[in-house]
Amino acid sequence: MQIRQPVTDIRVDDPLAVLRADQTGVQNISIEEKEGCKTCEWKYWCAGGCPLETYRVTGRYDVKSPNCNIYKALFPEALRLEGLRLLKYADDPEVAMKI
């Protein structure tokens, strides 16, 4: 898919239905079926990445994201930072929810 090859048309009543019905366009393969994702501890966080980007880089929809290593580096750090934020504001839940 390129700029001149849109994945759907936002002017139709249900753009998502058009996307789902298209058998030749973007294929959103289950994370359990993607090569390189089945045993990944972060698979439910990234869901295999953007299927369109993966296809553009690899020519396949059924493989892990080309950004897999980036996700694996960022997710643990994001989780750590969120844990620290929760600990910092544990005594004042109202403040924690506003941040």
N, C-alpha and C. Protein backbone atom coordinates (compact mmCIF):
# COMPACT_ATOMS: atom_id res chain seq x y z
N MET A 1 0.83 -1.17 0.00
CA MET A 1 0.00 0.00 0.00
C MET A 1 0.88 1.24 0.00
N GLN A 2 0.57 2.13 -0.84
CA GLN A 2 1.26 3.40 -0.92
C GLN A 2 0.21 4.51 -0.84
N ILE A 3 0.63 5.75 -0.91
CA ILE A 3 -0.30 6.88 -0.84
C ILE A 3 -1.39 6.75 -1.90
N ARG A 4 -1.02 6.32 -3.08
CA ARG A 4 -1.98 6.19 -4.17
C ARG A 4 -2.76 4.88 -4.10
N GLN A 5 -2.51 4.09 -3.09
CA GLN A 5 -3.22 2.83 -2.87
C GLN A 5 -3.78 2.82 -1.46
N PRO A 6 -4.87 3.55 -1.22
CA PRO A 6 -5.42 3.61 0.14
C PRO A 6 -5.95 2.25 0.58
N VAL A 7 -5.97 2.03 1.88
CA VAL A 7 -6.45 0.76 2.42
C VAL A 7 -7.97 0.74 2.55
N THR A 8 -8.60 1.91 2.62
CA THR A 8 -10.05 1.99 2.69
C THR A 8 -10.48 3.40 2.31
N ASP A 9 -11.78 3.64 2.35
CA ASP A 9 -12.32 4.94 1.98
C ASP A 9 -13.13 5.47 3.16
N ILE A 10 -12.74 6.59 3.70
CA ILE A 10 -13.42 7.12 4.89
C ILE A 10 -14.80 7.70 4.56
N ARG A 11 -15.12 7.83 3.29
CA ARG A 11 -16.42 8.39 2.91
C ARG A 11 -17.53 7.35 2.88
N VAL A 12 -17.21 6.09 3.01
CA VAL A 12 -18.24 5.05 3.04
C VAL A 12 -18.82 4.95 4.45
N ASP A 13 -19.97 4.31 4.58
CA ASP A 13 -20.62 4.21 5.89
C ASP A 13 -19.79 3.45 6.92
N ASP A 14 -19.11 2.40 6.48
CA ASP A 14 -18.34 1.57 7.41
C ASP A 14 -16.96 1.27 6.82
N PRO A 15 -15.99 2.18 6.99
CA PRO A 15 -14.65 1.96 6.42
C PRO A 15 -13.97 0.70 6.93
N LEU A 16 -14.24 0.34 8.18
CA LEU A 16 -13.63 -0.86 8.74
C LEU A 16 -14.16 -2.12 8.06
N ALA A 17 -15.44 -2.13 7.72
CA ALA A 17 -16.02 -3.28 7.01
C ALA A 17 -15.37 -3.44 5.64
N VAL A 18 -15.12 -2.33 4.97
CA VAL A 18 -14.45 -2.38 3.66
C VAL A 18 -13.06 -2.98 3.82
N LEU A 19 -12.35 -2.55 4.83
CA LEU A 19 -11.00 -3.05 5.09
C LEU A 19 -11.03 -4.55 5.40
N ARG A 20 -11.96 -4.97 6.23
CA ARG A 20 -12.06 -6.39 6.60
C ARG A 20 -12.44 -7.28 5.42
N ALA A 21 -13.26 -6.76 4.52
CA ALA A 21 -13.72 -7.55 3.38
C ALA A 21 -12.67 -7.67 2.28
N ASP A 22 -11.68 -6.81 2.28
CA ASP A 22 -10.64 -6.81 1.25
C ASP A 22 -9.68 -7.97 1.46
N GLN A 23 -9.69 -8.93 0.56
CA GLN A 23 -8.83 -10.10 0.67
C GLN A 23 -7.44 -9.89 0.07
N THR A 24 -7.24 -8.79 -0.64
CA THR A 24 -5.94 -8.54 -1.27
C THR A 24 -5.16 -7.42 -0.60
N GLY A 25 -5.81 -6.67 0.28
CA GLY A 25 -5.14 -5.55 0.94
C GLY A 25 -4.50 -5.96 2.24
N VAL A 26 -4.52 -5.07 3.19
CA VAL A 26 -3.89 -5.29 4.49
C VAL A 26 -4.49 -6.53 5.17
N GLN A 27 -3.63 -7.41 5.61
CA GLN A 27 -4.06 -8.62 6.31
C GLN A 27 -3.56 -8.54 7.75
N ASN A 28 -4.47 -8.48 8.68
CA ASN A 28 -4.09 -8.40 10.10
C ASN A 28 -4.09 -9.81 10.68
N ILE A 29 -2.97 -10.47 10.55
CA ILE A 29 -2.81 -11.85 11.01
C ILE A 29 -2.78 -11.89 12.54
N SER A 30 -3.35 -12.92 13.11
CA SER A 30 -3.33 -13.11 14.57
C SER A 30 -1.88 -13.16 15.06
N ILE A 31 -1.65 -12.60 16.22
CA ILE A 31 -0.31 -12.59 16.81
C ILE A 31 0.19 -14.01 17.05
N GLU A 32 -0.72 -14.93 17.26
CA GLU A 32 -0.35 -16.33 17.48
C GLU A 32 0.15 -17.00 16.20
N GLU A 33 -0.12 -16.39 15.06
CA GLU A 33 0.28 -16.96 13.77
C GLU A 33 1.50 -16.28 13.16
N LYS A 34 1.97 -15.21 13.78
CA LYS A 34 3.09 -14.47 13.21
C LYS A 34 4.42 -15.10 13.59
N GLU A 35 5.23 -15.31 12.58
CA GLU A 35 6.56 -15.87 12.78
C GLU A 35 7.39 -14.91 13.62
N GLY A 36 7.96 -15.41 14.70
CA GLY A 36 8.79 -14.59 15.57
C GLY A 36 8.04 -13.96 16.72
N CYS A 37 6.72 -14.14 16.79
CA CYS A 37 5.93 -13.51 17.85
C CYS A 37 5.35 -14.51 18.85
N LYS A 38 5.19 -15.73 18.45
CA LYS A 38 4.47 -16.73 19.25
C LYS A 38 4.98 -16.84 20.68
N THR A 39 6.28 -16.76 20.89
CA THR A 39 6.85 -16.94 22.22
C THR A 39 7.34 -15.64 22.86
N CYS A 40 7.09 -14.53 22.22
CA CYS A 40 7.57 -13.24 22.74
C CYS A 40 6.75 -12.82 23.96
N GLU A 41 7.44 -12.38 25.00
CA GLU A 41 6.75 -11.95 26.22
C GLU A 41 5.98 -10.64 26.04
N TRP A 42 6.26 -9.89 24.99
CA TRP A 42 5.61 -8.61 24.76
C TRP A 42 4.58 -8.67 23.63
N LYS A 43 4.26 -9.85 23.15
CA LYS A 43 3.40 -9.98 21.98
C LYS A 43 2.02 -9.34 22.15
N TYR A 44 1.49 -9.33 23.35
CA TYR A 44 0.18 -8.72 23.54
C TYR A 44 0.26 -7.21 23.74
N TRP A 45 1.44 -6.69 23.89
CA TRP A 45 1.63 -5.24 23.98
C TRP A 45 1.71 -4.62 22.59
N CYS A 46 2.48 -5.23 21.71
CA CYS A 46 2.67 -4.64 20.38
C CYS A 46 1.77 -5.27 19.33
N ALA A 47 1.27 -6.48 19.60
CA ALA A 47 0.40 -7.21 18.66
C ALA A 47 1.07 -7.44 17.32
N GLY A 48 2.38 -7.50 17.33
CA GLY A 48 3.10 -7.76 16.09
C GLY A 48 3.40 -6.51 15.28
N GLY A 49 3.03 -5.36 15.81
CA GLY A 49 3.30 -4.11 15.10
C GLY A 49 2.27 -3.81 14.03
N CYS A 50 2.53 -2.78 13.26
CA CYS A 50 1.63 -2.35 12.19
C CYS A 50 1.74 -3.31 11.01
N PRO A 51 0.64 -3.97 10.62
CA PRO A 51 0.73 -4.92 9.52
C PRO A 51 1.14 -4.27 8.20
N LEU A 52 0.71 -3.05 7.98
CA LEU A 52 1.06 -2.37 6.73
C LEU A 52 2.56 -2.06 6.67
N GLU A 53 3.11 -1.58 7.77
CA GLU A 53 4.54 -1.30 7.80
C GLU A 53 5.35 -2.59 7.64
N THR A 54 4.92 -3.64 8.32
CA THR A 54 5.62 -4.93 8.21
C THR A 54 5.62 -5.41 6.77
N TYR A 55 4.49 -5.28 6.10
CA TYR A 55 4.40 -5.71 4.70
C TYR A 55 5.31 -4.86 3.81
N ARG A 56 5.32 -3.56 4.04
CA ARG A 56 6.17 -2.68 3.22
C ARG A 56 7.65 -3.02 3.35
N VAL A 57 8.06 -3.41 4.54
CA VAL A 57 9.48 -3.71 4.78
C VAL A 57 9.85 -5.13 4.38
N THR A 58 8.97 -6.09 4.69
CA THR A 58 9.32 -7.51 4.49
C THR A 58 8.63 -8.17 3.31
N GLY A 59 7.54 -7.57 2.84
CA GLY A 59 6.76 -8.20 1.78
C GLY A 59 5.84 -9.29 2.30
N ARG A 60 5.71 -9.38 3.62
CA ARG A 60 4.87 -10.41 4.25
C ARG A 60 4.07 -9.81 5.40
N TYR A 61 2.92 -10.40 5.66
CA TYR A 61 2.10 -9.98 6.80
C TYR A 61 2.29 -10.90 8.00
N ASP A 62 2.82 -12.09 7.77
CA ASP A 62 2.85 -13.13 8.81
C ASP A 62 4.17 -13.21 9.57
N VAL A 63 4.90 -12.11 9.63
CA VAL A 63 6.16 -12.06 10.36
C VAL A 63 6.13 -10.92 11.38
N LYS A 64 7.06 -10.95 12.31
CA LYS A 64 7.11 -9.91 13.34
C LYS A 64 7.44 -8.55 12.72
N SER A 65 7.16 -7.52 13.47
CA SER A 65 7.41 -6.15 13.04
C SER A 65 8.89 -5.89 12.83
N PRO A 66 9.23 -5.06 11.84
CA PRO A 66 10.63 -4.67 11.69
C PRO A 66 11.11 -3.83 12.88
N ASN A 67 10.18 -3.35 13.69
CA ASN A 67 10.53 -2.57 14.88
C ASN A 67 10.53 -3.39 16.15
N CYS A 68 10.53 -4.70 16.03
CA CYS A 68 10.45 -5.59 17.18
C CYS A 68 11.50 -5.27 18.24
N ASN A 69 12.72 -5.09 17.86
CA ASN A 69 13.78 -4.81 18.84
C ASN A 69 13.57 -3.48 19.55
N ILE A 70 13.00 -2.53 18.84
CA ILE A 70 12.69 -1.23 19.46
C ILE A 70 11.62 -1.42 20.53
N TYR A 71 10.55 -2.15 20.17
CA TYR A 71 9.48 -2.41 21.14
C TYR A 71 10.02 -3.14 22.36
N LYS A 72 10.86 -4.12 22.13
CA LYS A 72 11.40 -4.91 23.25
C LYS A 72 12.28 -4.06 24.17
N ALA A 73 12.86 -3.00 23.64
CA ALA A 73 13.67 -2.10 24.47
C ALA A 73 12.79 -1.08 25.19
N LEU A 74 11.74 -0.60 24.53
CA LEU A 74 10.91 0.46 25.11
C LEU A 74 9.89 -0.04 26.13
N PHE A 75 9.24 -1.16 25.86
CA PHE A 75 8.16 -1.62 26.74
C PHE A 75 8.61 -1.87 28.18
N PRO A 76 9.72 -2.54 28.42
CA PRO A 76 10.14 -2.73 29.82
C PRO A 76 10.41 -1.40 30.52
N GLU A 77 10.99 -0.46 29.80
CA GLU A 77 11.28 0.84 30.40
C GLU A 77 9.99 1.61 30.69
N ALA A 78 9.04 1.56 29.78
CA ALA A 78 7.75 2.22 30.00
C ALA A 78 7.04 1.61 31.20
N LEU A 79 7.09 0.30 31.32
CA LEU A 79 6.47 -0.38 32.45
C LEU A 79 7.16 -0.01 33.76
N ARG A 80 8.48 0.06 33.74
CA ARG A 80 9.24 0.45 34.93
C ARG A 80 8.88 1.86 35.37
N LEU A 81 8.82 2.78 34.40
CA LEU A 81 8.49 4.17 34.72
C LEU A 81 7.07 4.30 35.27
N GLU A 82 6.13 3.54 34.70
CA GLU A 82 4.76 3.58 35.22
C GLU A 82 4.71 3.03 36.63
N GLY A 83 5.47 1.98 36.91
CA GLY A 83 5.54 1.44 38.26
C GLY A 83 6.08 2.46 39.25
N LEU A 84 7.12 3.17 38.85
CA LEU A 84 7.68 4.21 39.72
C LEU A 84 6.68 5.34 39.96
N ARG A 85 5.93 5.70 38.91
CA ARG A 85 4.92 6.75 39.06
C ARG A 85 3.85 6.31 40.05
N LEU A 86 3.40 5.07 39.93
CA LEU A 86 2.38 4.56 40.84
C LEU A 86 2.88 4.51 42.28
N LEU A 87 4.13 4.11 42.46
CA LEU A 87 4.70 4.06 43.81
C LEU A 87 4.83 5.46 44.40
N LYS A 88 5.21 6.41 43.58
CA LYS A 88 5.39 7.78 44.06
C LYS A 88 4.08 8.36 44.58
N TYR A 89 2.99 8.06 43.88
CA TYR A 89 1.70 8.63 44.25
C TYR A 89 0.78 7.63 44.94
N ALA A 90 1.33 6.56 45.47
CA ALA A 90 0.51 5.51 46.10
C ALA A 90 -0.28 6.03 47.29
N ASP A 91 0.25 7.01 47.99
CA ASP A 91 -0.44 7.53 49.17
C ASP A 91 -1.54 8.52 48.82
N ASP A 92 -1.56 9.01 47.58
CA ASP A 92 -2.57 9.97 47.16
C ASP A 92 -3.13 9.56 45.80
N PRO A 93 -4.09 8.62 45.77
CA PRO A 93 -4.61 8.10 44.51
C PRO A 93 -5.23 9.16 43.60
N GLU A 94 -5.79 10.22 44.19
CA GLU A 94 -6.40 11.26 43.36
C GLU A 94 -5.34 11.95 42.50
N VAL A 95 -4.19 12.20 43.07
CA VAL A 95 -3.09 12.82 42.32
C VAL A 95 -2.60 11.86 41.24
N ALA A 96 -2.48 10.59 41.56
CA ALA A 96 -1.99 9.59 40.60
C ALA A 96 -2.88 9.51 39.38
N MET A 97 -4.18 9.63 39.55
CA MET A 97 -5.10 9.52 38.42
C MET A 97 -5.08 10.76 37.54
N LYS A 98 -4.67 11.89 38.07
CA LYS A 98 -4.63 13.13 37.29
C LYS A 98 -3.37 13.24 36.45
N ILE A 99 -2.36 12.47 36.77
CA ILE A 99 -1.07 12.57 36.08
C ILE A 99 -1.04 11.66 34.89
